[in-house]
Amino acid sequence: MADPESPFRIERTDGGVRFTFDVTAEPTERQRKLARFDHFEIPCDEGAVLGGDDSAPPPLAYFASALAF
């Protein structure tokens, strides 16, 4: 049984499986953003060429990593 307080839920349906995530994302300054998932904070930023400070991985790096996982 899933934890009702968890930000991640799995439901089995007649059509398959439904995954639900509770994630918030907000802009901070310049091109930086911060996502929150449960007790994790996930920063991202763009490189200088796109107006960022290159202070964290860009969103595409997280996407590519997710596909690799």
PDB file of N, CA and C in Angstrom:
ATOM      1  N   MET A   1       0.837  -1.179   0.000  1.00  0.00           N
ATOM      2  CA  MET A   1       0.000   0.000   0.000  1.00  0.00           C
ATOM      3  C   MET A   1       0.883   1.244   0.000  1.00  0.00           C
ATOM      4  N   ALA A   2       0.525   2.251  -0.770  1.00  0.00           N
ATOM      5  CA  ALA A   2       1.323   3.467  -0.891  1.00  0.00           C
ATOM      6  C   ALA A   2       1.170   4.338   0.348  1.00  0.00           C
ATOM      7  N   ASP A   3       2.230   5.036   0.686  1.00  0.00           N
ATOM      8  CA  ASP A   3       2.225   5.989   1.789  1.00  0.00           C
ATOM      9  C   ASP A   3       1.396   7.207   1.368  1.00  0.00           C
ATOM     10  N   PRO A   4       0.315   7.565   2.104  1.00  0.00           N
ATOM     11  CA  PRO A   4      -0.526   8.690   1.682  1.00  0.00           C
ATOM     12  C   PRO A   4       0.207  10.032   1.723  1.00  0.00           C
ATOM     13  N   GLU A   5       1.310  10.121   2.451  1.00  0.00           N
ATOM     14  CA  GLU A   5       2.081  11.354   2.543  1.00  0.00           C
ATOM     15  C   GLU A   5       3.168  11.444   1.479  1.00  0.00           C
ATOM     16  N   SER A   6       3.379  10.385   0.717  1.00  0.00           N
ATOM     17  CA  SER A   6       4.444  10.358  -0.283  1.00  0.00           C
ATOM     18  C   SER A   6       4.104  11.250  -1.472  1.00  0.00           C
ATOM     19  N   PRO A   7       5.113  11.957  -2.044  1.00  0.00           N
ATOM     20  CA  PRO A   7       4.871  12.756  -3.241  1.00  0.00           C
ATOM     21  C   PRO A   7       4.843  11.897  -4.509  1.00  0.00           C
ATOM     22  N   PHE A   8       5.018  10.599  -4.375  1.00  0.00           N
ATOM     23  CA  PHE A   8       5.053   9.672  -5.511  1.00  0.00           C
ATOM     24  C   PHE A   8       4.018   8.590  -5.267  1.00  0.00           C
ATOM     25  N   ARG A   9       3.101   8.431  -6.209  1.00  0.00           N
ATOM     26  CA  ARG A   9       2.062   7.420  -6.051  1.00  0.00           C
ATOM     27  C   ARG A   9       1.961   6.563  -7.318  1.00  0.00           C
ATOM     28  N   ILE A  10       1.607   5.317  -7.112  1.00  0.00           N
ATOM     29  CA  ILE A  10       1.404   4.382  -8.226  1.00  0.00           C
ATOM     30  C   ILE A  10      -0.013   3.819  -8.094  1.00  0.00           C
ATOM     31  N   GLU A  11      -0.770   3.884  -9.172  1.00  0.00           N
ATOM     32  CA  GLU A  11      -2.111   3.311  -9.195  1.00  0.00           C
ATOM     33  C   GLU A  11      -2.209   2.325 -10.345  1.00  0.00           C
ATOM     34  N   ARG A  12      -2.752   1.168 -10.082  1.00  0.00           N
ATOM     35  CA  ARG A  12      -3.021   0.214 -11.149  1.00  0.00           C
ATOM     36  C   ARG A  12      -4.433   0.481 -11.668  1.00  0.00           C
ATOM     37  N   THR A  13      -4.559   0.556 -12.993  1.00  0.00           N
ATOM     38  CA  THR A  13      -5.863   0.789 -13.619  1.00  0.00           C
ATOM     39  C   THR A  13      -6.104  -0.307 -14.641  1.00  0.00           C
ATOM     40  N   ASP A  14      -7.301  -0.343 -15.189  1.00  0.00           N
ATOM     41  CA  ASP A  14      -7.606  -1.334 -16.230  1.00  0.00           C
ATOM     42  C   ASP A  14      -6.707  -1.138 -17.445  1.00  0.00           C
ATOM     43  N   GLY A  15      -6.292   0.108 -17.696  1.00  0.00           N
ATOM     44  CA  GLY A  15      -5.472   0.411 -18.862  1.00  0.00           C
ATOM     45  C   GLY A  15      -3.981   0.315 -18.609  1.00  0.00           C
ATOM     46  N   GLY A  16      -3.551   0.004 -17.392  1.00  0.00           N
ATOM     47  CA  GLY A  16      -2.124  -0.093 -17.095  1.00  0.00           C
ATOM     48  C   GLY A  16      -1.802   0.446 -15.720  1.00  0.00           C
ATOM     49  N   VAL A  17      -0.765   1.256 -15.659  1.00  0.00           N
ATOM     50  CA  VAL A  17      -0.300   1.807 -14.393  1.00  0.00           C
ATOM     51  C   VAL A  17      -0.187   3.318 -14.533  1.00  0.00           C
ATOM     52  N   ARG A  18      -0.622   4.053 -13.517  1.00  0.00           N
ATOM     53  CA  ARG A  18      -0.529   5.513 -13.513  1.00  0.00           C
ATOM     54  C   ARG A  18       0.434   5.930 -12.402  1.00  0.00           C
ATOM     55  N   PHE A  19       1.435   6.743 -12.781  1.00  0.00           N
ATOM     56  CA  PHE A  19       2.405   7.273 -11.830  1.00  0.00           C
ATOM     57  C   PHE A  19       2.072   8.741 -11.591  1.00  0.00           C
ATOM     58  N   THR A  20       2.043   9.160 -10.347  1.00  0.00           N
ATOM     59  CA  THR A  20       1.762  10.548 -10.006  1.00  0.00           C
ATOM     60  C   THR A  20       2.893  11.082  -9.135  1.00  0.00           C
ATOM     61  N   PHE A  21       3.415  12.258  -9.510  1.00  0.00           N
ATOM     62  CA  PHE A  21       4.473  12.923  -8.756  1.00  0.00           C
ATOM     63  C   PHE A  21       3.969  14.296  -8.318  1.00  0.00           C
ATOM     64  N   ASP A  22       4.254  14.689  -7.106  1.00  0.00           N
ATOM     65  CA  ASP A  22       3.991  16.055  -6.657  1.00  0.00           C
ATOM     66  C   ASP A  22       5.315  16.806  -6.682  1.00  0.00           C
ATOM     67  N   VAL A  23       5.469  17.661  -7.687  1.00  0.00           N
ATOM     68  CA  VAL A  23       6.704  18.425  -7.871  1.00  0.00           C
ATOM     69  C   VAL A  23       6.323  19.887  -8.077  1.00  0.00           C
ATOM     70  N   THR A  24       7.089  20.782  -7.473  1.00  0.00           N
ATOM     71  CA  THR A  24       6.913  22.205  -7.755  1.00  0.00           C
ATOM     72  C   THR A  24       8.209  22.723  -8.367  1.00  0.00           C
ATOM     73  N   ALA A  25       8.085  23.675  -9.260  1.00  0.00           N
ATOM     74  CA  ALA A  25       9.250  24.304  -9.876  1.00  0.00           C
ATOM     75  C   ALA A  25       8.991  25.796  -9.932  1.00  0.00           C
ATOM     76  N   GLU A  26      10.020  26.570  -9.608  1.00  0.00           N
ATOM     77  CA  GLU A  26       9.848  28.019  -9.620  1.00  0.00           C
ATOM     78  C   GLU A  26      11.110  28.699 -10.126  1.00  0.00           C
ATOM     79  N   PRO A  27      10.945  29.812 -10.805  1.00  0.00           N
ATOM     80  CA  PRO A  27      12.121  30.581 -11.226  1.00  0.00           C
ATOM     81  C   PRO A  27      12.718  31.275 -10.009  1.00  0.00           C
ATOM     82  N   THR A  28      14.022  31.451 -10.001  1.00  0.00           N
ATOM     83  CA  THR A  28      14.655  32.178  -8.904  1.00  0.00           C
ATOM     84  C   THR A  28      15.217  33.494  -9.445  1.00  0.00           C
ATOM     85  N   GLU A  29      16.407  33.493 -10.023  1.00  0.00           N
ATOM     86  CA  GLU A  29      16.952  34.713 -10.622  1.00  0.00           C
ATOM     87  C   GLU A  29      17.631  34.369 -11.936  1.00  0.00           C
ATOM     88  N   ARG A  30      17.627  35.326 -12.835  1.00  0.00           N
ATOM     89  CA  ARG A  30      18.142  35.130 -14.187  1.00  0.00           C
ATOM     90  C   ARG A  30      17.518  33.871 -14.791  1.00  0.00           C
ATOM     91  N   GLN A  31      18.319  32.900 -15.220  1.00  0.00           N
ATOM     92  CA  GLN A  31      17.789  31.670 -15.828  1.00  0.00           C
ATOM     93  C   GLN A  31      17.708  30.511 -14.830  1.00  0.00           C
ATOM     94  N   ARG A  32      17.977  30.766 -13.564  1.00  0.00           N
ATOM     95  CA  ARG A  32      17.949  29.686 -12.564  1.00  0.00           C
ATOM     96  C   ARG A  32      16.523  29.320 -12.181  1.00  0.00           C
ATOM     97  N   LYS A  33      16.337  28.022 -11.943  1.00  0.00           N
ATOM     98  CA  LYS A  33      15.065  27.495 -11.462  1.00  0.00           C
ATOM     99  C   LYS A  33      15.348  26.508 -10.351  1.00  0.00           C
ATOM    100  N   LEU A  34      14.340  26.263  -9.517  1.00  0.00           N
ATOM    101  CA  LEU A  34      14.485  25.312  -8.426  1.00  0.00           C
ATOM    102  C   LEU A  34      13.230  24.454  -8.376  1.00  0.00           C
ATOM    103  N   ALA A  35      13.405  23.138  -8.469  1.00  0.00           N
ATOM    104  CA  ALA A  35      12.295  22.197  -8.350  1.00  0.00           C
ATOM    105  C   ALA A  35      12.383  21.534  -6.987  1.00  0.00           C
ATOM    106  N   ARG A  36      11.232  21.219  -6.430  1.00  0.00           N
ATOM    107  CA  ARG A  36      11.186  20.516  -5.139  1.00  0.00           C
ATOM    108  C   ARG A  36      10.333  19.261  -5.295  1.00  0.00           C
ATOM    109  N   PHE A  37      10.890  18.170  -4.813  1.00  0.00           N
ATOM    110  CA  PHE A  37      10.218  16.874  -4.823  1.00  0.00           C
ATOM    111  C   PHE A  37      10.487  16.242  -3.469  1.00  0.00           C
ATOM    112  N   ASP A  38       9.458  16.140  -2.633  1.00  0.00           N
ATOM    113  CA  ASP A  38       9.593  15.615  -1.272  1.00  0.00           C
ATOM    114  C   ASP A  38      10.650  16.439  -0.548  1.00  0.00           C
ATOM    115  N   HIS A  39      11.708  15.828  -0.035  1.00  0.00           N
ATOM    116  CA  HIS A  39      12.749  16.571   0.683  1.00  0.00           C
ATOM    117  C   HIS A  39      13.939  16.919  -0.209  1.00  0.00           C
ATOM    118  N   PHE A  40      13.801  16.722  -1.510  1.00  0.00           N
ATOM    119  CA  PHE A  40      14.877  17.026  -2.457  1.00  0.00           C
ATOM    120  C   PHE A  40      14.658  18.386  -3.105  1.00  0.00           C
ATOM    121  N   GLU A  41      15.751  19.107  -3.326  1.00  0.00           N
ATOM    122  CA  GLU A  41      15.726  20.327  -4.126  1.00  0.00           C
ATOM    123  C   GLU A  41      16.616  20.091  -5.339  1.00  0.00           C
ATOM    124  N   ILE A  42      16.108  20.430  -6.519  1.00  0.00           N
ATOM    125  CA  ILE A  42      16.819  20.183  -7.768  1.00  0.00           C
ATOM    126  C   ILE A  42      17.011  21.516  -8.491  1.00  0.00           C
ATOM    127  N   PRO A  43      18.232  22.065  -8.437  1.00  0.00           N
ATOM    128  CA  PRO A  43      18.475  23.342  -9.117  1.00  0.00           C
ATOM    129  C   PRO A  43      18.814  23.118 -10.588  1.00  0.00           C
ATOM    130  N   CYS A  44      18.528  24.104 -11.410  1.00  0.00           N
ATOM    131  CA  CYS A  44      19.000  24.071 -12.789  1.00  0.00           C
ATOM    132  C   CYS A  44      19.298  25.503 -13.228  1.00  0.00           C
ATOM    133  N   ASP A  45      20.122  25.628 -14.227  1.00  0.00           N
ATOM    134  CA  ASP A  45      20.532  26.922 -14.750  1.00  0.00           C
ATOM    135  C   ASP A  45      20.962  26.710 -16.197  1.00  0.00           C
ATOM    136  N   GLU A  46      20.989  27.774 -16.935  1.00  0.00           N
ATOM    137  CA  GLU A  46      21.479  27.714 -18.307  1.00  0.00           C
ATOM    138  C   GLU A  46      22.896  28.275 -18.350  1.00  0.00           C
ATOM    139  N   GLY A  47      23.604  27.974 -19.412  1.00  0.00           N
ATOM    140  CA  GLY A  47      24.930  28.531 -19.624  1.00  0.00           C
ATOM    141  C   GLY A  47      24.850  30.003 -20.003  1.00  0.00           C
ATOM    142  N   ALA A  48      25.995  30.664 -20.020  1.00  0.00           N
ATOM    143  CA  ALA A  48      26.051  32.097 -20.321  1.00  0.00           C
ATOM    144  C   ALA A  48      25.476  32.418 -21.693  1.00  0.00           C
ATOM    145  N   VAL A  49      25.633  31.510 -22.642  1.00  0.00           N
ATOM    146  CA  VAL A  49      25.139  31.746 -24.003  1.00  0.00           C
ATOM    147  C   VAL A  49      23.618  31.941 -24.025  1.00  0.00           C
ATOM    148  N   LEU A  50      22.914  31.370 -23.032  1.00  0.00           N
ATOM    149  CA  LEU A  50      21.459  31.501 -22.945  1.00  0.00           C
ATOM    150  C   LEU A  50      21.035  32.441 -21.820  1.00  0.00           C
ATOM    151  N   GLY A  51      21.965  33.222 -21.290  1.00  0.00           N
ATOM    152  CA  GLY A  51      21.633  34.207 -20.272  1.00  0.00           C
ATOM    153  C   GLY A  51      21.710  33.715 -18.847  1.00  0.00           C
ATOM    154  N   GLY A  52      22.269  32.538 -18.634  1.00  0.00           N
ATOM    155  CA  GLY A  52      22.408  32.002 -17.277  1.00  0.00           C
ATOM    156  C   GLY A  52      23.801  32.209 -16.728  1.00  0.00           C
ATOM    157  N   ASP A  53      24.017  31.648 -15.546  1.00  0.00           N
ATOM    158  CA  ASP A  53      25.326  31.743 -14.874  1.00  0.00           C
ATOM    159  C   ASP A  53      26.091  30.426 -14.892  1.00  0.00           C
ATOM    160  N   ASP A  54      25.497  29.366 -15.447  1.00  0.00           N
ATOM    161  CA  ASP A  54      26.105  28.032 -15.460  1.00  0.00           C
ATOM    162  C   ASP A  54      26.401  27.549 -14.038  1.00  0.00           C
ATOM    163  N   SER A  55      25.480  27.851 -13.101  1.00  0.00           N
ATOM    164  CA  SER A  55      25.671  27.496 -11.693  1.00  0.00           C
ATOM    165  C   SER A  55      25.119  26.112 -11.344  1.00  0.00           C
ATOM    166  N   ALA A  56      24.403  25.490 -12.273  1.00  0.00           N
ATOM    167  CA  ALA A  56      23.822  24.161 -12.068  1.00  0.00           C
ATOM    168  C   ALA A  56      23.622  23.543 -13.447  1.00  0.00           C
ATOM    169  N   PRO A  57      23.359  22.244 -13.506  1.00  0.00           N
ATOM    170  CA  PRO A  57      23.117  21.628 -14.816  1.00  0.00           C
ATOM    171  C   PRO A  57      21.903  22.252 -15.502  1.00  0.00           C
ATOM    172  N   PRO A  58      21.928  22.317 -16.830  1.00  0.00           N
ATOM    173  CA  PRO A  58      20.760  22.835 -17.551  1.00  0.00           C
ATOM    174  C   PRO A  58      19.632  21.796 -17.549  1.00  0.00           C
ATOM    175  N   PRO A  59      18.404  22.232 -17.798  1.00  0.00           N
ATOM    176  CA  PRO A  59      17.276  21.293 -17.802  1.00  0.00           C
ATOM    177  C   PRO A  59      17.488  20.103 -18.736  1.00  0.00           C
ATOM    178  N   LEU A  60      18.091  20.329 -19.888  1.00  0.00           N
ATOM    179  CA  LEU A  60      18.304  19.236 -20.831  1.00  0.00           C
ATOM    180  C   LEU A  60      19.227  18.148 -20.255  1.00  0.00           C
ATOM    181  N   ALA A  61      20.167  18.531 -19.401  1.00  0.00           N
ATOM    182  CA  ALA A  61      21.044  17.539 -18.768  1.00  0.00           C
ATOM    183  C   ALA A  61      20.241  16.623 -17.836  1.00  0.00           C
ATOM    184  N   TYR A  62      19.281  17.197 -17.113  1.00  0.00           N
ATOM    185  CA  TYR A  62      18.429  16.371 -16.248  1.00  0.00           C
ATOM    186  C   TYR A  62      17.557  15.438 -17.089  1.00  0.00           C
ATOM    187  N   PHE A  63      17.029  15.955 -18.193  1.00  0.00           N
ATOM    188  CA  PHE A  63      16.208  15.130 -19.068  1.00  0.00           C
ATOM    189  C   PHE A  63      17.011  13.965 -19.640  1.00  0.00           C
ATOM    190  N   ALA A  64      18.212  14.272 -20.142  1.00  0.00           N
ATOM    191  CA  ALA A  64      19.064  13.219 -20.705  1.00  0.00           C
ATOM    192  C   ALA A  64      19.459  12.202 -19.640  1.00  0.00           C
ATOM    193  N   SER A  65      19.727  12.675 -18.434  1.00  0.00           N
ATOM    194  CA  SER A  65      20.060  11.758 -17.334  1.00  0.00           C
ATOM    195  C   SER A  65      18.886  10.853 -17.004  1.00  0.00           C
ATOM    196  N   ALA A  66      17.685  11.422 -17.005  1.00  0.00           N
ATOM    197  CA  ALA A  66      16.481  10.612 -16.718  1.00  0.00           C
ATOM    198  C   ALA A  66      16.316   9.506 -17.753  1.00  0.00           C
ATOM    199  N   LEU A  67      16.563   9.823 -19.017  1.00  0.00           N
ATOM    200  CA  LEU A  67      16.478   8.791 -20.052  1.00  0.00           C
ATOM    201  C   LEU A  67      17.551   7.727 -19.849  1.00  0.00           C
ATOM    202  N   ALA A  68      18.729   8.140 -19.436  1.00  0.00           N
ATOM    203  CA  ALA A  68      19.813   7.176 -19.203  1.00  0.00           C
ATOM    204  C   ALA A  68      19.513   6.260 -18.023  1.00  0.00           C
ATOM    205  N   PHE A  69      18.856   6.801 -17.000  1.00  0.00           N
ATOM    206  CA  PHE A  69      18.514   5.980 -15.822  1.00  0.00           C
ATOM    207  C   PHE A  69      17.481   4.950 -16.190  1.00  0.00           C
TER     208      PHE A  69
END
